[in-house]
């Protein structure tokens, strides 16, 4: 069964949330896991891609939008999640319908009101269905 981790950030800005996502990507890549990042729309996809490109001048995170080529990190704006079954990083306000195909789901939550409220609804959704939940509250580490 899918394990869901909520990473609760002290940040309010999307830029900070995306910087944290790059840390999650690096950790998953160190374990040779494939990653799909689910985003709201094309603008959000572009912003996410740019954040990944800019993550570190010393290293490169190969990634692409879902397509014919395969990279271990892909970004999707729709229900097409390709062949991935390992790690889903959800940056949408809604729970993607395909989340249960993945071994792990990372929900990255900022303190921006709309994102925070949507994450609470997703938490209840997973909890009501009996999914294993973990909470990593990074607000205590500031």
N, C-alpha and C. Protein backbone atom coordinates (compact mmCIF):
# COMPACT_ATOMS: atom_id res chain seq x y z
N UNK A 1 0.84 -1.18 0.00
CA UNK A 1 0.00 0.00 0.00
C UNK A 1 0.89 1.25 0.00
N UNK A 2 0.46 2.25 -0.67
CA UNK A 2 1.18 3.52 -0.78
C UNK A 2 1.40 4.16 0.59
N UNK A 3 2.62 4.63 0.81
CA UNK A 3 2.94 5.38 2.03
C UNK A 3 2.97 6.86 1.66
N UNK A 4 2.32 7.70 2.46
CA UNK A 4 2.21 9.13 2.17
C UNK A 4 2.94 9.93 3.25
N UNK A 5 3.86 10.78 2.80
CA UNK A 5 4.62 11.64 3.70
C UNK A 5 4.23 13.10 3.45
N UNK A 6 3.83 13.79 4.50
CA UNK A 6 3.56 15.22 4.43
C UNK A 6 4.77 15.96 4.97
N UNK A 7 5.34 16.82 4.14
CA UNK A 7 6.48 17.65 4.52
C UNK A 7 5.94 19.06 4.70
N UNK A 8 5.86 19.51 5.94
CA UNK A 8 5.25 20.80 6.26
C UNK A 8 6.37 21.83 6.45
N UNK A 9 6.41 22.78 5.55
CA UNK A 9 7.47 23.78 5.54
C UNK A 9 7.04 25.05 6.28
N UNK A 10 8.01 25.78 6.81
CA UNK A 10 7.68 27.06 7.44
C UNK A 10 7.47 28.17 6.41
N UNK A 11 7.83 27.91 5.18
CA UNK A 11 7.82 28.92 4.12
C UNK A 11 6.42 29.24 3.61
N UNK A 12 6.27 30.44 3.10
CA UNK A 12 5.02 30.88 2.49
C UNK A 12 5.12 30.96 0.97
N UNK A 13 6.33 30.98 0.43
CA UNK A 13 6.52 31.23 -1.00
C UNK A 13 6.70 29.94 -1.80
N UNK A 14 6.17 29.93 -3.00
CA UNK A 14 6.30 28.77 -3.88
C UNK A 14 7.77 28.49 -4.19
N UNK A 15 8.56 29.51 -4.33
CA UNK A 15 9.99 29.34 -4.62
C UNK A 15 10.64 28.48 -3.53
N UNK A 16 10.30 28.71 -2.27
CA UNK A 16 10.86 27.93 -1.17
C UNK A 16 10.37 26.49 -1.20
N UNK A 17 9.11 26.32 -1.53
CA UNK A 17 8.55 24.97 -1.64
C UNK A 17 9.27 24.19 -2.74
N UNK A 18 9.51 24.83 -3.87
CA UNK A 18 10.20 24.17 -4.98
C UNK A 18 11.66 23.88 -4.65
N UNK A 19 12.29 24.75 -3.89
CA UNK A 19 13.66 24.47 -3.44
C UNK A 19 13.70 23.22 -2.57
N UNK A 20 12.69 23.05 -1.72
CA UNK A 20 12.62 21.86 -0.89
C UNK A 20 12.38 20.61 -1.76
N UNK A 21 11.57 20.76 -2.79
CA UNK A 21 11.32 19.64 -3.70
C UNK A 21 12.63 19.16 -4.32
N UNK A 22 13.52 20.06 -4.67
CA UNK A 22 14.80 19.63 -5.24
C UNK A 22 15.59 18.81 -4.23
N UNK A 23 15.48 19.12 -2.95
CA UNK A 23 16.14 18.30 -1.92
C UNK A 23 15.53 16.90 -1.88
N UNK A 24 14.21 16.82 -1.97
CA UNK A 24 13.55 15.50 -2.00
C UNK A 24 13.98 14.70 -3.22
N UNK A 25 14.10 15.39 -4.37
CA UNK A 25 14.53 14.72 -5.59
C UNK A 25 15.92 14.12 -5.41
N UNK A 26 16.83 14.92 -4.87
CA UNK A 26 18.20 14.43 -4.66
C UNK A 26 18.23 13.22 -3.73
N UNK A 27 17.43 13.26 -2.69
CA UNK A 27 17.41 12.13 -1.76
C UNK A 27 16.86 10.88 -2.44
N UNK A 28 15.78 11.03 -3.20
CA UNK A 28 15.20 9.89 -3.92
C UNK A 28 16.18 9.36 -4.97
N UNK A 29 16.86 10.27 -5.66
CA UNK A 29 17.83 9.85 -6.66
C UNK A 29 19.00 9.10 -6.02
N UNK A 30 19.39 9.47 -4.81
CA UNK A 30 20.48 8.77 -4.14
C UNK A 30 20.11 7.32 -3.84
N UNK A 31 18.81 7.05 -3.87
CA UNK A 31 18.31 5.68 -3.67
C UNK A 31 17.89 5.05 -4.99
N UNK A 32 18.24 5.69 -6.11
CA UNK A 32 17.95 5.22 -7.47
C UNK A 32 16.45 5.05 -7.72
N UNK A 33 15.66 5.95 -7.18
CA UNK A 33 14.22 5.90 -7.37
C UNK A 33 13.79 6.83 -8.50
N UNK A 34 12.77 6.42 -9.24
CA UNK A 34 12.17 7.26 -10.27
C UNK A 34 11.14 8.17 -9.62
N UNK A 35 11.04 9.40 -10.12
CA UNK A 35 10.21 10.42 -9.49
C UNK A 35 9.30 11.05 -10.53
N UNK A 36 8.03 11.19 -10.17
CA UNK A 36 7.10 11.97 -10.96
C UNK A 36 6.63 13.13 -10.10
N UNK A 37 6.68 14.33 -10.67
CA UNK A 37 6.18 15.52 -9.98
C UNK A 37 4.88 15.91 -10.65
N UNK A 38 3.82 15.94 -9.89
CA UNK A 38 2.50 16.29 -10.42
C UNK A 38 2.21 17.74 -10.08
N UNK A 39 1.97 18.56 -11.12
CA UNK A 39 1.76 20.00 -10.95
C UNK A 39 0.41 20.42 -11.49
N UNK A 40 0.00 21.64 -11.15
CA UNK A 40 -1.33 22.16 -11.49
C UNK A 40 -1.56 22.40 -12.98
N UNK A 41 -0.61 23.09 -13.61
CA UNK A 41 -0.82 23.54 -14.99
C UNK A 41 0.53 23.80 -15.64
N UNK A 42 0.49 24.26 -16.89
CA UNK A 42 1.73 24.46 -17.63
C UNK A 42 2.62 25.53 -17.00
N UNK A 43 2.02 26.58 -16.48
CA UNK A 43 2.80 27.62 -15.81
C UNK A 43 3.53 27.05 -14.59
N UNK A 44 2.83 26.23 -13.82
CA UNK A 44 3.43 25.60 -12.64
C UNK A 44 4.51 24.60 -13.05
N UNK A 45 4.29 23.91 -14.15
CA UNK A 45 5.29 22.98 -14.69
C UNK A 45 6.57 23.74 -15.03
N UNK A 46 6.42 24.87 -15.72
CA UNK A 46 7.57 25.68 -16.11
C UNK A 46 8.31 26.20 -14.89
N UNK A 47 7.60 26.68 -13.90
CA UNK A 47 8.21 27.19 -12.68
C UNK A 47 8.97 26.06 -11.95
N UNK A 48 8.38 24.88 -11.91
CA UNK A 48 9.01 23.73 -11.27
C UNK A 48 10.28 23.33 -12.02
N UNK A 49 10.18 23.26 -13.32
CA UNK A 49 11.34 22.92 -14.13
C UNK A 49 12.47 23.91 -13.94
N UNK A 50 12.16 25.19 -13.93
CA UNK A 50 13.18 26.21 -13.74
C UNK A 50 13.84 26.09 -12.36
N UNK A 51 13.05 25.77 -11.35
CA UNK A 51 13.60 25.59 -10.00
C UNK A 51 14.54 24.40 -9.95
N UNK A 52 14.20 23.34 -10.65
CA UNK A 52 15.07 22.16 -10.69
C UNK A 52 16.37 22.49 -11.41
N UNK A 53 16.27 23.21 -12.54
CA UNK A 53 17.48 23.60 -13.28
C UNK A 53 18.39 24.48 -12.42
N UNK A 54 17.80 25.35 -11.64
CA UNK A 54 18.58 26.32 -10.86
C UNK A 54 18.99 25.79 -9.49
N UNK A 55 18.65 24.55 -9.18
CA UNK A 55 18.85 24.02 -7.84
C UNK A 55 20.29 24.11 -7.36
N UNK A 56 21.22 23.79 -8.23
CA UNK A 56 22.62 23.83 -7.82
C UNK A 56 23.48 24.05 -9.05
N UNK A 57 24.36 25.03 -8.98
CA UNK A 57 25.24 25.27 -10.13
C UNK A 57 26.28 24.15 -10.31
N UNK A 58 26.49 23.35 -9.26
CA UNK A 58 27.51 22.30 -9.30
C UNK A 58 27.00 20.97 -9.82
N UNK A 59 25.68 20.78 -9.82
CA UNK A 59 25.16 19.48 -10.25
C UNK A 59 23.89 19.68 -11.07
N UNK A 60 23.55 18.67 -11.82
CA UNK A 60 22.47 18.73 -12.78
C UNK A 60 21.44 17.66 -12.44
N UNK A 61 20.17 18.03 -12.40
CA UNK A 61 19.10 17.06 -12.21
C UNK A 61 18.39 16.92 -13.55
N UNK A 62 18.64 15.82 -14.24
CA UNK A 62 17.98 15.59 -15.53
C UNK A 62 16.50 15.37 -15.28
N UNK A 63 15.67 16.08 -16.03
CA UNK A 63 14.22 15.95 -15.88
C UNK A 63 13.56 16.36 -17.19
N UNK A 64 12.29 16.00 -17.31
CA UNK A 64 11.52 16.35 -18.49
C UNK A 64 10.03 16.30 -18.16
N UNK A 65 9.24 16.90 -19.04
CA UNK A 65 7.80 16.72 -18.99
C UNK A 65 7.52 15.32 -19.53
N UNK A 66 6.48 14.67 -19.03
CA UNK A 66 6.13 13.34 -19.52
C UNK A 66 6.16 13.35 -21.04
N UNK A 67 6.87 12.41 -21.61
CA UNK A 67 6.97 12.35 -23.05
C UNK A 67 7.55 11.02 -23.50
N UNK A 68 8.09 10.99 -24.70
CA UNK A 68 8.57 9.74 -25.26
C UNK A 68 9.90 9.30 -24.68
N UNK A 69 10.73 10.24 -24.27
CA UNK A 69 12.00 9.88 -23.64
C UNK A 69 11.77 9.62 -22.17
N UNK A 70 12.69 8.91 -21.55
CA UNK A 70 12.53 8.63 -20.14
C UNK A 70 13.72 9.15 -19.34
N UNK A 71 13.44 10.01 -18.40
CA UNK A 71 14.40 10.45 -17.40
C UNK A 71 13.86 10.00 -16.05
N UNK A 72 14.72 9.81 -15.07
CA UNK A 72 14.23 9.38 -13.76
C UNK A 72 13.40 10.42 -13.02
N UNK A 73 13.40 11.67 -13.51
CA UNK A 73 12.56 12.72 -12.93
C UNK A 73 11.70 13.28 -14.06
N UNK A 74 10.38 13.18 -13.89
CA UNK A 74 9.46 13.72 -14.89
C UNK A 74 8.41 14.58 -14.21
N UNK A 75 7.87 15.52 -14.98
CA UNK A 75 6.85 16.44 -14.49
C UNK A 75 5.60 16.25 -15.32
N UNK A 76 4.45 16.15 -14.66
CA UNK A 76 3.19 15.93 -15.37
C UNK A 76 2.14 16.94 -14.94
N UNK A 77 1.39 17.43 -15.92
CA UNK A 77 0.30 18.36 -15.61
C UNK A 77 -1.07 17.70 -15.77
N UNK A 78 -1.09 16.42 -16.11
CA UNK A 78 -2.38 15.75 -16.30
C UNK A 78 -2.35 14.37 -15.66
N UNK A 79 -3.26 13.55 -16.03
CA UNK A 79 -3.39 12.23 -15.42
C UNK A 79 -2.41 11.21 -15.98
N UNK A 80 -1.63 11.59 -16.99
CA UNK A 80 -0.66 10.67 -17.57
C UNK A 80 0.55 10.61 -16.66
N UNK A 81 0.73 9.47 -16.00
CA UNK A 81 1.87 9.36 -15.09
C UNK A 81 2.91 8.39 -15.63
N UNK A 82 2.84 8.10 -16.92
CA UNK A 82 3.85 7.28 -17.54
C UNK A 82 3.98 5.92 -16.87
N UNK A 83 5.21 5.47 -16.79
CA UNK A 83 5.49 4.14 -16.25
C UNK A 83 5.93 4.17 -14.78
N UNK A 84 5.87 5.33 -14.18
CA UNK A 84 6.35 5.47 -12.81
C UNK A 84 5.48 4.72 -11.81
N UNK A 85 6.17 4.13 -10.82
CA UNK A 85 5.47 3.49 -9.72
C UNK A 85 6.22 3.66 -8.40
N UNK A 86 7.25 4.51 -8.38
CA UNK A 86 8.06 4.60 -7.17
C UNK A 86 7.70 5.83 -6.34
N UNK A 87 8.07 7.03 -6.76
CA UNK A 87 7.85 8.23 -5.95
C UNK A 87 7.02 9.25 -6.73
N UNK A 88 5.98 9.74 -6.08
CA UNK A 88 5.16 10.83 -6.61
C UNK A 88 5.33 12.02 -5.66
N UNK A 89 5.74 13.16 -6.22
CA UNK A 89 5.76 14.40 -5.45
C UNK A 89 4.56 15.20 -5.93
N UNK A 90 3.58 15.36 -5.05
CA UNK A 90 2.35 16.05 -5.42
C UNK A 90 2.43 17.53 -5.07
N UNK A 91 2.36 18.37 -6.10
CA UNK A 91 2.32 19.82 -5.88
C UNK A 91 0.96 20.39 -6.28
N UNK A 92 0.01 19.51 -6.53
CA UNK A 92 -1.34 19.94 -6.86
C UNK A 92 -2.13 20.21 -5.58
N UNK A 93 -3.21 20.93 -5.75
CA UNK A 93 -4.10 21.16 -4.61
C UNK A 93 -4.98 19.93 -4.36
N UNK A 94 -5.22 19.17 -5.40
CA UNK A 94 -6.05 17.96 -5.29
C UNK A 94 -5.17 16.72 -5.21
N UNK A 95 -5.76 15.64 -4.75
CA UNK A 95 -5.08 14.35 -4.75
C UNK A 95 -5.15 13.78 -6.15
N UNK A 96 -4.02 13.50 -6.80
CA UNK A 96 -4.08 12.90 -8.14
C UNK A 96 -4.78 11.54 -8.09
N UNK A 97 -5.61 11.26 -9.07
CA UNK A 97 -6.37 10.01 -9.07
C UNK A 97 -5.48 8.78 -9.16
N UNK A 98 -4.27 8.94 -9.66
CA UNK A 98 -3.36 7.82 -9.89
C UNK A 98 -2.36 7.60 -8.75
N UNK A 99 -2.51 8.31 -7.64
CA UNK A 99 -1.50 8.28 -6.57
C UNK A 99 -1.23 6.89 -6.05
N UNK A 100 -2.24 6.01 -6.04
CA UNK A 100 -2.08 4.69 -5.43
C UNK A 100 -1.20 3.75 -6.25
N UNK A 101 -0.81 4.16 -7.45
CA UNK A 101 0.12 3.36 -8.26
C UNK A 101 1.55 3.47 -7.72
N UNK A 102 1.79 4.42 -6.85
CA UNK A 102 3.13 4.72 -6.38
C UNK A 102 3.40 4.08 -5.02
N UNK A 103 4.66 3.75 -4.79
CA UNK A 103 5.07 3.22 -3.50
C UNK A 103 5.06 4.33 -2.44
N UNK A 104 5.49 5.53 -2.84
CA UNK A 104 5.55 6.66 -1.92
C UNK A 104 4.95 7.89 -2.57
N UNK A 105 4.28 8.69 -1.75
CA UNK A 105 3.77 9.99 -2.17
C UNK A 105 4.31 11.02 -1.19
N UNK A 106 4.93 12.07 -1.73
CA UNK A 106 5.39 13.18 -0.91
C UNK A 106 4.48 14.37 -1.18
N UNK A 107 3.85 14.85 -0.14
CA UNK A 107 3.02 16.05 -0.18
C UNK A 107 3.85 17.16 0.44
N UNK A 108 4.16 18.19 -0.34
CA UNK A 108 5.00 19.28 0.14
C UNK A 108 4.10 20.48 0.40
N UNK A 109 4.03 20.89 1.67
CA UNK A 109 3.05 21.86 2.13
C UNK A 109 3.74 23.14 2.60
N UNK A 110 3.34 24.26 2.02
CA UNK A 110 3.82 25.56 2.50
C UNK A 110 2.74 26.16 3.41
N UNK A 111 3.05 27.31 3.97
CA UNK A 111 2.11 27.98 4.86
C UNK A 111 1.17 28.92 4.12
N UNK A 112 1.26 28.96 2.81
CA UNK A 112 0.32 29.77 2.01
C UNK A 112 -1.07 29.20 2.24
N UNK A 113 -2.03 30.04 2.57
CA UNK A 113 -3.35 29.62 3.05
C UNK A 113 -4.03 28.60 2.13
N UNK A 114 -4.07 28.86 0.85
CA UNK A 114 -4.75 27.95 -0.08
C UNK A 114 -4.07 26.58 -0.12
N UNK A 115 -2.76 26.55 -0.14
CA UNK A 115 -2.02 25.29 -0.17
C UNK A 115 -2.18 24.55 1.15
N UNK A 116 -2.12 25.26 2.25
CA UNK A 116 -2.26 24.66 3.58
C UNK A 116 -3.65 24.04 3.75
N UNK A 117 -4.69 24.76 3.39
CA UNK A 117 -6.05 24.23 3.51
C UNK A 117 -6.27 23.02 2.60
N UNK A 118 -5.76 23.07 1.38
CA UNK A 118 -5.89 21.94 0.46
C UNK A 118 -5.15 20.72 1.01
N UNK A 119 -4.01 20.94 1.64
CA UNK A 119 -3.24 19.82 2.18
C UNK A 119 -3.98 19.15 3.34
N UNK A 120 -4.71 19.93 4.11
CA UNK A 120 -5.49 19.35 5.20
C UNK A 120 -6.59 18.43 4.65
N UNK A 121 -7.20 18.84 3.56
CA UNK A 121 -8.22 18.00 2.92
C UNK A 121 -7.60 16.72 2.38
N UNK A 122 -6.42 16.83 1.78
CA UNK A 122 -5.74 15.63 1.26
C UNK A 122 -5.35 14.70 2.41
N UNK A 123 -4.90 15.25 3.51
CA UNK A 123 -4.53 14.44 4.67
C UNK A 123 -5.74 13.62 5.13
N UNK A 124 -6.89 14.29 5.26
CA UNK A 124 -8.13 13.59 5.66
C UNK A 124 -8.49 12.51 4.64
N UNK A 125 -8.34 12.82 3.36
CA UNK A 125 -8.64 11.86 2.29
C UNK A 125 -7.82 10.59 2.48
N UNK A 126 -6.50 10.74 2.64
CA UNK A 126 -5.64 9.56 2.80
C UNK A 126 -5.95 8.83 4.10
N UNK A 127 -6.13 9.58 5.18
CA UNK A 127 -6.40 8.97 6.49
C UNK A 127 -7.70 8.18 6.48
N UNK A 128 -8.75 8.75 5.90
CA UNK A 128 -10.05 8.08 5.85
C UNK A 128 -9.99 6.77 5.06
N UNK A 129 -9.01 6.63 4.18
CA UNK A 129 -8.88 5.43 3.35
C UNK A 129 -7.83 4.47 3.88
N UNK A 130 -7.26 4.79 5.03
CA UNK A 130 -6.35 3.87 5.71
C UNK A 130 -4.92 3.85 5.21
N UNK A 131 -4.48 4.89 4.51
CA UNK A 131 -3.10 4.93 4.04
C UNK A 131 -2.15 5.26 5.18
N UNK A 132 -0.94 4.68 5.12
CA UNK A 132 0.09 4.97 6.11
C UNK A 132 0.57 6.40 5.92
N UNK A 133 0.46 7.21 6.96
CA UNK A 133 0.81 8.62 6.88
C UNK A 133 1.98 8.93 7.80
N UNK A 134 2.86 9.81 7.32
CA UNK A 134 3.94 10.33 8.15
C UNK A 134 3.95 11.84 7.98
N UNK A 135 4.27 12.53 9.06
CA UNK A 135 4.31 13.99 9.02
C UNK A 135 5.71 14.44 9.42
N UNK A 136 6.31 15.26 8.57
CA UNK A 136 7.62 15.84 8.82
C UNK A 136 7.41 17.35 8.94
N UNK A 137 7.30 17.81 10.18
CA UNK A 137 7.00 19.23 10.41
C UNK A 137 8.31 19.99 10.55
N UNK A 138 8.68 20.66 9.48
CA UNK A 138 9.94 21.38 9.45
C UNK A 138 9.85 22.78 10.05
N UNK A 139 8.66 23.16 10.49
CA UNK A 139 8.50 24.47 11.14
C UNK A 139 9.25 24.52 12.45
N UNK A 140 9.44 23.37 13.08
CA UNK A 140 10.14 23.30 14.35
C UNK A 140 11.66 23.46 14.20
N UNK A 141 12.16 23.39 12.99
CA UNK A 141 13.60 23.41 12.74
C UNK A 141 14.13 24.78 12.34
N UNK A 142 13.27 25.77 12.39
CA UNK A 142 13.70 27.11 11.98
C UNK A 142 14.37 27.83 13.12
